[in-house]
C-alpha atoms as a PDB file:
ATOM      1  CA  MET A   1     -36.105  -4.030 -57.098  1.00  0.00           C
ATOM      2  CA  ALA A   2     -38.994  -5.011 -59.431  1.00  0.00           C
ATOM      3  CA  THR A   3     -39.559  -8.718 -59.906  1.00  0.00           C
ATOM      4  CA  GLU A   4     -39.249 -10.201 -63.304  1.00  0.00           C
ATOM      5  CA  ARG A   5     -42.282  -9.977 -65.534  1.00  0.00           C
ATOM      6  CA  PRO A   6     -43.962 -13.422 -66.059  1.00  0.00           C
ATOM      7  CA  ARG A   7     -43.412 -15.038 -69.390  1.00  0.00           C
ATOM      8  CA  LYS A   8     -47.116 -14.925 -70.245  1.00  0.00           C
ATOM      9  CA  GLY A   9     -46.757 -11.099 -70.390  1.00  0.00           C
ATOM     10  CA  ARG A  10     -44.429 -11.314 -73.346  1.00  0.00           C
ATOM     11  CA  SER A  11     -47.334 -11.064 -75.821  1.00  0.00           C
ATOM     12  CA  LYS A  12     -47.831  -7.449 -74.612  1.00  0.00           C
ATOM     13  CA  LEU A  13     -44.214  -6.471 -74.936  1.00  0.00           C
ATOM     14  CA  ARG A  14     -43.887  -2.985 -76.341  1.00  0.00           C
ATOM     15  CA  VAL A  15     -40.195  -2.201 -76.127  1.00  0.00           C
ATOM     16  CA  PRO A  16     -37.099  -4.413 -75.955  1.00  0.00           C
ATOM     17  CA  THR A  17     -36.160  -5.284 -72.307  1.00  0.00           C
ATOM     18  CA  ALA A  18     -33.249  -6.691 -70.331  1.00  0.00           C
ATOM     19  CA  SER A  19     -33.849  -8.731 -67.151  1.00  0.00           C
ATOM     20  CA  ILE A  20     -30.996  -9.044 -64.654  1.00  0.00           C
ATOM     21  CA  ARG A  21     -30.822 -11.498 -61.706  1.00  0.00           C
ATOM     22  CA  TYR A  22     -29.154 -10.439 -58.474  1.00  0.00           C
ATOM     23  CA  GLU A  23     -27.275 -12.166 -55.746  1.00  0.00           C
ATOM     24  CA  ASP A  24     -30.073 -11.537 -53.259  1.00  0.00           C
ATOM     25  CA  GLY A  25     -32.412 -13.564 -55.467  1.00  0.00           C
ATOM     26  CA  ALA A  26     -34.295 -10.549 -56.876  1.00  0.00           C
ATOM     27  CA  THR A  27     -34.628  -9.862 -60.608  1.00  0.00           C
ATOM     28  CA  ARG A  28     -34.974  -6.500 -62.373  1.00  0.00           C
ATOM     29  CA  GLU A  29     -36.510  -5.750 -65.820  1.00  0.00           C
ATOM     30  CA  VAL A  30     -35.725  -2.548 -67.503  1.00  0.00           C
ATOM     31  CA  PRO A  31     -36.256  -1.139 -71.024  1.00  0.00           C
ATOM     32  CA  PHE A  32     -33.077  -1.886 -73.011  1.00  0.00           C
ATOM     33  CA  THR A  33     -32.746   1.845 -73.856  1.00  0.00           C
ATOM     34  CA  GLN A  34     -32.373   2.540 -70.095  1.00  0.00           C
ATOM     35  CA  LEU A  35     -29.866  -0.256 -69.393  1.00  0.00           C
ATOM     36  CA  ARG A  36     -26.666   1.005 -67.778  1.00  0.00           C
ATOM     37  CA  LEU A  37     -23.474  -0.725 -66.697  1.00  0.00           C
ATOM     38  CA  ARG A  38     -24.268   0.092 -63.041  1.00  0.00           C
ATOM     39  CA  ASP A  39     -27.339  -2.195 -63.306  1.00  0.00           C
ATOM     40  CA  PHE A  40     -24.974  -5.195 -63.298  1.00  0.00           C
ATOM     41  CA  THR A  41     -23.532  -4.379 -59.890  1.00  0.00           C
ATOM     42  CA  ASP A  42     -24.112  -7.313 -57.489  1.00  0.00           C
ATOM     43  CA  SER A  43     -25.631  -9.282 -60.322  1.00  0.00           C
ATOM     44  CA  GLU A  44     -25.210 -13.025 -60.976  1.00  0.00           C
ATOM     45  CA  PRO A  45     -25.450 -15.163 -64.158  1.00  0.00           C
ATOM     46  CA  TRP A  46     -28.986 -15.469 -65.534  1.00  0.00           C
ATOM     47  CA  ARG A  47     -28.739 -19.243 -65.788  1.00  0.00           C
ATOM     48  CA  ARG A  48     -27.610 -21.711 -63.165  1.00  0.00           C
ATOM     49  CA  VAL A  49     -24.822 -23.743 -64.746  1.00  0.00           C
ATOM     50  CA  ARG A  50     -24.588 -27.222 -63.449  1.00  0.00           C
ATOM     51  CA  SER A  51     -22.322 -30.143 -64.574  1.00  0.00           C
ATOM     52  CA  ALA A  52     -23.565 -33.633 -64.754  1.00  0.00           C
ATOM     53  CA  HIS A  53     -22.127 -36.951 -65.788  1.00  0.00           C
ATOM     54  CA  GLY A  54     -22.572 -37.524 -69.540  1.00  0.00           C
ATOM     55  CA  MET A  55     -22.916 -33.788 -70.380  1.00  0.00           C
ATOM     56  CA  THR A  56     -20.928 -32.806 -73.492  1.00  0.00           C
ATOM     57  CA  HIS A  57     -20.678 -29.058 -73.171  1.00  0.00           C
ATOM     58  CA  HIS A  58     -18.119 -28.995 -70.351  1.00  0.00           C
ATOM     59  CA  SER A  59     -19.458 -26.273 -68.166  1.00  0.00           C
ATOM     60  CA  GLY A  60     -17.679 -24.957 -65.024  1.00  0.00           C
ATOM     61  CA  ASP A  61     -16.366 -22.089 -63.023  1.00  0.00           C
ATOM     62  CA  TYR A  62     -13.205 -20.189 -63.849  1.00  0.00           C
ATOM     63  CA  ALA A  63     -11.253 -18.338 -61.199  1.00  0.00           C
ATOM     64  CA  SER A  64     -10.714 -14.951 -62.795  1.00  0.00           C
ATOM     65  CA  ALA A  65      -7.732 -12.760 -62.067  1.00  0.00           C
ATOM     66  CA  THR A  66      -9.653  -9.760 -63.479  1.00  0.00           C
ATOM     67  CA  THR A  67     -12.714 -10.068 -61.249  1.00  0.00           C
ATOM     68  CA  GLY A  68     -11.126 -11.855 -58.251  1.00  0.00           C
ATOM     69  CA  GLY A  69     -14.062 -14.319 -58.274  1.00  0.00           C
ATOM     70  CA  LEU A  70     -15.586 -17.210 -60.230  1.00  0.00           C
ATOM     71  CA  VAL A  71     -16.980 -16.731 -63.756  1.00  0.00           C
ATOM     72  CA  VAL A  72     -19.156 -19.452 -65.247  1.00  0.00           C
ATOM     73  CA  TYR A  73     -18.777 -20.863 -68.683  1.00  0.00           C
ATOM     74  CA  GLU A  74     -20.915 -23.466 -70.595  1.00  0.00           C
ATOM     75  CA  SER A  75     -18.357 -24.860 -73.063  1.00  0.00           C
ATOM     76  CA  ARG A  76     -14.658 -25.207 -73.749  1.00  0.00           C
ATOM     77  CA  LEU A  77     -15.004 -22.522 -76.478  1.00  0.00           C
ATOM     78  CA  GLU A  78     -16.534 -20.198 -73.935  1.00  0.00           C
ATOM     79  CA  LEU A  79     -13.658 -20.980 -71.537  1.00  0.00           C
ATOM     80  CA  ALA A  80     -11.157 -20.118 -74.299  1.00  0.00           C
ATOM     81  CA  ARG A  81     -12.863 -16.636 -74.834  1.00  0.00           C
ATOM     82  CA  LEU A  82     -12.950 -16.188 -71.083  1.00  0.00           C
ATOM     83  CA  LEU A  83      -9.100 -16.882 -70.848  1.00  0.00           C
ATOM     84  CA  LEU A  84      -8.531 -14.315 -73.487  1.00  0.00           C
ATOM     85  CA  ALA A  85     -10.665 -11.691 -71.643  1.00  0.00           C
ATOM     86  CA  ASP A  86      -8.862 -12.395 -68.375  1.00  0.00           C
ATOM     87  CA  PHE A  87      -5.479 -12.039 -70.123  1.00  0.00           C
ATOM     88  CA  ASP A  88      -6.410  -8.820 -71.882  1.00  0.00           C
ATOM     89  CA  PRO A  89      -5.089  -5.732 -69.912  1.00  0.00           C
ATOM     90  CA  SER A  90      -7.797  -3.585 -71.546  1.00  0.00           C
ATOM     91  CA  VAL A  91     -10.565  -5.598 -69.778  1.00  0.00           C
ATOM     92  CA  CYS A  92     -11.447  -4.646 -66.270  1.00  0.00           C
ATOM     93  CA  GLY A  93     -14.729  -6.485 -65.693  1.00  0.00           C
ATOM     94  CA  ILE A  94     -16.364  -9.698 -66.811  1.00  0.00           C
ATOM     95  CA  PHE A  95     -20.003 -10.782 -66.436  1.00  0.00           C
ATOM     96  CA  ALA A  96     -21.088 -14.177 -67.634  1.00  0.00           C
ATOM     97  CA  GLN A  97     -24.716 -14.508 -68.871  1.00  0.00           C
ATOM     98  CA  PRO A  98     -25.305 -10.957 -67.805  1.00  0.00           C
ATOM     99  CA  CYS A  99     -28.982 -10.674 -68.642  1.00  0.00           C
ATOM    100  CA  ARG A 100     -31.948 -11.994 -70.658  1.00  0.00           C
ATOM    101  CA  MET A 101     -32.765  -9.785 -73.605  1.00  0.00           C
ATOM    102  CA  VAL A 102     -36.393  -9.819 -74.877  1.00  0.00           C
ATOM    103  CA  ALA A 103     -37.554  -8.027 -78.041  1.00  0.00           C
ATOM    104  CA  ARG A 104     -40.203  -8.318 -80.746  1.00  0.00           C
ATOM    105  CA  VAL A 105     -38.500  -9.551 -83.990  1.00  0.00           C
ATOM    106  CA  ASP A 106     -40.461  -9.871 -87.208  1.00  0.00           C
ATOM    107  CA  GLY A 107     -43.667  -9.947 -85.244  1.00  0.00           C
ATOM    108  CA  LYS A 108     -42.536 -12.605 -82.786  1.00  0.00           C
ATOM    109  CA  VAL A 109     -41.259 -12.054 -79.214  1.00  0.00           C
ATOM    110  CA  ARG A 110     -37.747 -13.426 -79.004  1.00  0.00           C
ATOM    111  CA  SER A 111     -35.428 -13.876 -75.919  1.00  0.00           C
ATOM    112  CA  HIS A 112     -31.657 -14.292 -75.673  1.00  0.00           C
ATOM    113  CA  VAL A 113     -29.040 -14.624 -72.986  1.00  0.00           C
ATOM    114  CA  PRO A 114     -25.586 -13.365 -74.056  1.00  0.00           C
ATOM    115  CA  ASP A 115     -22.552 -15.320 -73.069  1.00  0.00           C
ATOM    116  CA  PHE A 116     -20.387 -12.511 -71.685  1.00  0.00           C
ATOM    117  CA  LEU A 117     -20.380  -8.762 -71.006  1.00  0.00           C
ATOM    118  CA  LEU A 118     -16.881  -7.269 -70.933  1.00  0.00           C
ATOM    119  CA  VAL A 119     -16.124  -3.952 -69.292  1.00  0.00           C
ATOM    120  CA  MET A 120     -13.179  -2.147 -70.953  1.00  0.00           C
ATOM    121  CA  ARG A 121     -10.838   0.247 -69.216  1.00  0.00           C
ATOM    122  CA  SER A 122     -11.758   2.809 -71.802  1.00  0.00           C
ATOM    123  CA  GLY A 123     -15.407   2.756 -70.545  1.00  0.00           C
ATOM    124  CA  THR A 124     -16.595   0.749 -73.466  1.00  0.00           C
ATOM    125  CA  VAL A 125     -18.937  -2.174 -72.875  1.00  0.00           C
ATOM    126  CA  ARG A 126     -18.717  -5.185 -75.153  1.00  0.00           C
ATOM    127  CA  VAL A 127     -21.263  -8.001 -75.281  1.00  0.00           C
ATOM    128  CA  VAL A 128     -19.889 -11.252 -76.563  1.00  0.00           C
ATOM    129  CA  ASN A 129     -21.614 -14.341 -77.972  1.00  0.00           C
ATOM    130  CA  VAL A 130     -19.511 -17.542 -78.491  1.00  0.00           C
ATOM    131  CA  LYS A 131     -20.428 -19.951 -81.248  1.00  0.00           C
ATOM    132  CA  PRO A 132     -18.439 -22.467 -83.327  1.00  0.00           C
ATOM    133  CA  ALA A 133     -17.914 -21.304 -86.865  1.00  0.00           C
ATOM    134  CA  SER A 134     -19.681 -24.378 -88.177  1.00  0.00           C
ATOM    135  CA  ARG A 135     -22.837 -23.408 -86.451  1.00  0.00           C
ATOM    136  CA  LEU A 136     -22.865 -19.871 -87.786  1.00  0.00           C
ATOM    137  CA  GLU A 137     -23.476 -21.367 -91.204  1.00  0.00           C
ATOM    138  CA  ASN A 138     -26.946 -22.274 -90.069  1.00  0.00           C
ATOM    139  CA  PRO A 139     -29.327 -19.381 -91.042  1.00  0.00           C
ATOM    140  CA  LYS A 140     -31.467 -19.873 -87.844  1.00  0.00           C
ATOM    141  CA  VAL A 141     -28.379 -19.645 -85.619  1.00  0.00           C
ATOM    142  CA  ALA A 142     -27.119 -16.607 -87.480  1.00  0.00           C
ATOM    143  CA  ALA A 143     -30.573 -14.901 -87.267  1.00  0.00           C
ATOM    144  CA  ALA A 144     -30.840 -15.620 -83.528  1.00  0.00           C
ATOM    145  CA  LEU A 145     -27.503 -13.822 -83.046  1.00  0.00           C
ATOM    146  CA  ALA A 146     -28.188 -10.986 -85.319  1.00  0.00           C
ATOM    147  CA  TRP A 147     -31.051  -9.175 -83.646  1.00  0.00           C
ATOM    148  CA  PRO A 148     -29.287  -9.025 -80.187  1.00  0.00           C
ATOM    149  CA  GLY A 149     -26.286  -7.506 -81.956  1.00  0.00           C
ATOM    150  CA  GLN A 150     -28.491  -4.869 -83.656  1.00  0.00           C
ATOM    151  CA  LEU A 151     -30.050  -3.973 -80.320  1.00  0.00           C
ATOM    152  CA  ILE A 152     -26.806  -3.767 -78.593  1.00  0.00           C
ATOM    153  CA  GLU A 153     -25.034  -1.648 -81.127  1.00  0.00           C
ATOM    154  CA  ARG A 154     -28.026   0.749 -81.282  1.00  0.00           C
ATOM    155  CA  HIS A 155     -27.472   1.108 -77.552  1.00  0.00           C
ATOM    156  CA  GLY A 156     -23.976   2.323 -78.155  1.00  0.00           C
ATOM    157  CA  TRP A 157     -22.182  -0.848 -76.898  1.00  0.00           C
ATOM    158  CA  GLU A 158     -19.947  -3.130 -78.823  1.00  0.00           C
ATOM    159  CA  TYR A 159     -21.082  -6.575 -80.079  1.00  0.00           C
ATOM    160  CA  GLU A 160     -18.881  -9.551 -80.851  1.00  0.00           C
ATOM    161  CA  ILE A 161     -19.500 -13.048 -82.153  1.00  0.00           C
ATOM    162  CA  TRP A 162     -16.461 -15.140 -81.362  1.00  0.00           C
ATOM    163  CA  SER A 163     -15.676 -18.521 -82.882  1.00  0.00           C
ATOM    164  CA  GLY A 164     -12.069 -19.108 -81.873  1.00  0.00           C
ATOM    165  CA  ALA A 165      -8.439 -17.972 -82.137  1.00  0.00           C
ATOM    166  CA  GLU A 166      -5.046 -19.229 -83.265  1.00  0.00           C
ATOM    167  CA  PRO A 167      -4.261 -22.583 -81.435  1.00  0.00           C
ATOM    168  CA  SER A 168      -0.779 -21.417 -80.535  1.00  0.00           C
ATOM    169  CA  LEU A 169      -2.227 -18.286 -78.856  1.00  0.00           C
ATOM    170  CA  LEU A 170      -4.699 -20.178 -76.893  1.00  0.00           C
ATOM    171  CA  GLU A 171      -2.304 -22.818 -75.779  1.00  0.00           C
ATOM    172  CA  ASN A 172       0.267 -20.204 -74.634  1.00  0.00           C
ATOM    173  CA  ILE A 173      -2.405 -18.265 -72.672  1.00  0.00           C
ATOM    174  CA  ARG A 174      -3.696 -21.597 -71.050  1.00  0.00           C
ATOM    175  CA  PHE A 175      -0.130 -22.119 -69.848  1.00  0.00           C
ATOM    176  CA  LEU A 176       0.359 -18.510 -68.645  1.00  0.00           C
ATOM    177  CA  ALA A 177      -2.975 -18.611 -66.855  1.00  0.00           C
ATOM    178  CA  GLY A 178      -1.273 -20.984 -64.237  1.00  0.00           C
ATOM    179  CA  TYR A 179       0.529 -17.808 -63.062  1.00  0.00           C
ATOM    180  CA  ARG A 180      -2.416 -15.409 -63.135  1.00  0.00           C
ATOM    181  CA  HIS A 181      -3.080 -15.035 -59.405  1.00  0.00           C
ATOM    182  CA  PRO A 182      -0.891 -12.795 -57.149  1.00  0.00           C
ATOM    183  CA  GLY A 183       1.157 -14.854 -54.755  1.00  0.00           C
ATOM    184  CA  VAL A 184       1.605 -17.893 -57.050  1.00  0.00           C
ATOM    185  CA  VAL A 185       5.152 -16.614 -57.609  1.00  0.00           C
ATOM    186  CA  PRO A 186       6.603 -14.613 -54.683  1.00  0.00           C
ATOM    187  CA  ASN A 187       6.562 -10.883 -55.445  1.00  0.00           C
ATOM    188  CA  ASN A 188      10.223 -10.339 -54.640  1.00  0.00           C
ATOM    189  CA  GLU A 189      11.132 -13.053 -57.312  1.00  0.00           C
ATOM    190  CA  VAL A 190       8.898 -11.296 -59.883  1.00  0.00           C
ATOM    191  CA  GLU A 191      10.467  -7.892 -59.159  1.00  0.00           C
ATOM    192  CA  ARG A 192      13.995  -9.338 -59.289  1.00  0.00           C
ATOM    193  CA  ALA A 193      13.226 -10.941 -62.711  1.00  0.00           C
ATOM    194  CA  TRP A 194      11.755  -7.594 -63.894  1.00  0.00           C
ATOM    195  CA  GLN A 195      15.051  -5.864 -63.090  1.00  0.00           C
ATOM    196  CA  GLU A 196      17.111  -8.430 -64.859  1.00  0.00           C
ATOM    197  CA  VAL A 197      15.280  -8.515 -68.111  1.00  0.00           C
ATOM    198  CA  VAL A 198      16.937  -6.694 -71.019  1.00  0.00           C
ATOM    199  CA  ASP A 199      14.524  -5.543 -73.749  1.00  0.00           C
ATOM    200  CA  GLY A 200      14.866  -7.714 -76.846  1.00  0.00           C
ATOM    201  CA  GLU A 201      16.644 -10.575 -74.994  1.00  0.00           C
ATOM    202  CA  GLU A 202      15.816 -14.208 -75.485  1.00  0.00           C
ATOM    203  CA  MET A 203      14.101 -15.824 -72.508  1.00  0.00           C
ATOM    204  CA  ALA A 204      16.752 -18.506 -72.110  1.00  0.00           C
ATOM    205  CA  LEU A 205      19.463 -15.927 -71.501  1.00  0.00           C
ATOM    206  CA  VAL A 206      17.374 -14.271 -68.744  1.00  0.00           C
ATOM    207  CA  GLU A 207      16.729 -17.639 -67.249  1.00  0.00           C
ATOM    208  CA  ARG A 208      20.290 -18.524 -67.022  1.00  0.00           C
ATOM    209  CA  ARG A 209      21.237 -15.232 -65.462  1.00  0.00           C
ATOM    210  CA  LEU A 210      18.484 -15.469 -62.889  1.00  0.00           C
ATOM    211  CA  ALA A 211      19.034 -19.169 -62.089  1.00  0.00           C
ATOM    212  CA  GLY A 212      22.711 -18.850 -61.047  1.00  0.00           C
ATOM    213  CA  GLU A 213      23.681 -22.283 -59.829  1.00  0.00           C
ATOM    214  CA  ARG A 214      20.125 -23.725 -60.214  1.00  0.00           C
ATOM    215  CA  GLN A 215      18.615 -25.277 -63.337  1.00  0.00           C
ATOM    216  CA  PRO A 216      17.571 -22.486 -65.796  1.00  0.00           C
ATOM    217  CA  GLU A 217      13.940 -23.727 -65.869  1.00  0.00           C
ATOM    218  CA  GLU A 218      13.694 -23.020 -62.136  1.00  0.00           C
ATOM    219  CA  ALA A 219      13.900 -19.353 -62.933  1.00  0.00           C
ATOM    220  CA  ARG A 220      11.018 -19.392 -65.439  1.00  0.00           C
ATOM    221  CA  PRO A 221       7.940 -18.844 -63.166  1.00  0.00           C
ATOM    222  CA  PRO A 222       8.590 -15.209 -62.423  1.00  0.00           C
ATOM    223  CA  LEU A 223       8.958 -14.505 -66.170  1.00  0.00           C
ATOM    224  CA  MET A 224       5.618 -16.256 -66.762  1.00  0.00           C
ATOM    225  CA  ALA A 225       3.996 -14.076 -64.195  1.00  0.00           C
ATOM    226  CA  LEU A 226       5.447 -11.021 -65.833  1.00  0.00           C
ATOM    227  CA  LEU A 227       4.145 -12.201 -69.214  1.00  0.00           C
ATOM    228  CA  TRP A 228       0.684 -12.771 -67.787  1.00  0.00           C
ATOM    229  CA  SER A 229       0.537  -9.356 -66.172  1.00  0.00           C
ATOM    230  CA  GLY A 230       1.608  -7.723 -69.440  1.00  0.00           C
ATOM    231  CA  ARG A 231       4.686  -6.181 -67.993  1.00  0.00           C
ATOM    232  CA  LEU A 232       6.593  -8.360 -70.442  1.00  0.00           C
ATOM    233  CA  THR A 233       5.371  -9.299 -73.898  1.00  0.00           C
ATOM    234  CA  THR A 234       6.418 -11.790 -76.552  1.00  0.00           C
ATOM    235  CA  ASP A 235       5.042 -13.454 -79.600  1.00  0.00           C
ATOM    236  CA  LEU A 236       2.181 -15.694 -78.403  1.00  0.00           C
ATOM    237  CA  SER A 237       0.394 -16.120 -81.650  1.00  0.00           C
ATOM    238  CA  THR A 238       2.719 -18.022 -83.928  1.00  0.00           C
ATOM    239  CA  ARG A 239       5.017 -20.199 -81.693  1.00  0.00           C
ATOM    240  CA  PRO A 240       4.954 -22.020 -78.443  1.00  0.00           C
ATOM    241  CA  LEU A 241       6.630 -20.431 -75.411  1.00  0.00           C
ATOM    242  CA  SER A 242      10.290 -21.456 -75.275  1.00  0.00           C
ATOM    243  CA  GLY A 243      13.720 -20.195 -74.359  1.00  0.00           C
ATOM    244  CA  GLU A 244      13.981 -18.734 -77.866  1.00  0.00           C
ATOM    245  CA  CYS A 245      11.079 -16.231 -77.257  1.00  0.00           C
ATOM    246  CA  VAL A 246      12.179 -12.673 -77.424  1.00  0.00           C
ATOM    247  CA  LEU A 247      11.040 -10.613 -74.424  1.00  0.00           C
ATOM    248  CA  ARG A 248       9.918  -7.055 -74.565  1.00  0.00           C
ATOM    249  CA  ARG A 249       9.492  -4.726 -71.660  1.00  0.00           C
ATOM    250  CA  ARG A 250       6.290  -2.686 -71.350  1.00  0.00           C
ATOM    251  CA  GLY A 251       5.784   0.107 -68.877  1.00  0.00           C
END
């Protein structure tokens, strides 16, 4: 693999490029028009994310059910978008800080590292930048996010600037994320719950039926696992999860 072009060479930049860092320590720079999803195989985040006492941006590693590994994030808002991606059944791959984009914009060479690259089961690639809505009001921030989007969309990929979601939705998904990994709830309990759920039934009724002589809340974990996996659905956007939630079967 080619090593990364030194920064001093940017003044000679002729076409937009993407630089990718790999697990073996190598970097590769390719013209953006030649960038392909396979180029991210065995890649790692462009930046090294480290937490330190006194830092305010709350970086860390998230154990993703989608990837089976750790995905880095640099803020609580990024973590929220990461949770949504991990919960989304249409997402089959997640790369954090996938590359460094370099392009000449208005006569000046600019660089940018997107927050996430999502691979969709449909084959679509979506590049996501996460920014608080208040910062998007700053013209310099808006401009810094605009040129990467134009380049990405010309490439045939999707581009998203994400600033948040309904609080109820995020709170519910944070709770369900505790059940995201296989084995947290024994598979036989999950399958028994699946067989017991009647489409359109309130969760409390299913819990009582599953619990038998136990307390109803003891029967809740397999239902949470089914909601995370998407085999069951309910309204997560407008109300907290409770026994009054109506469960719907999918698949």
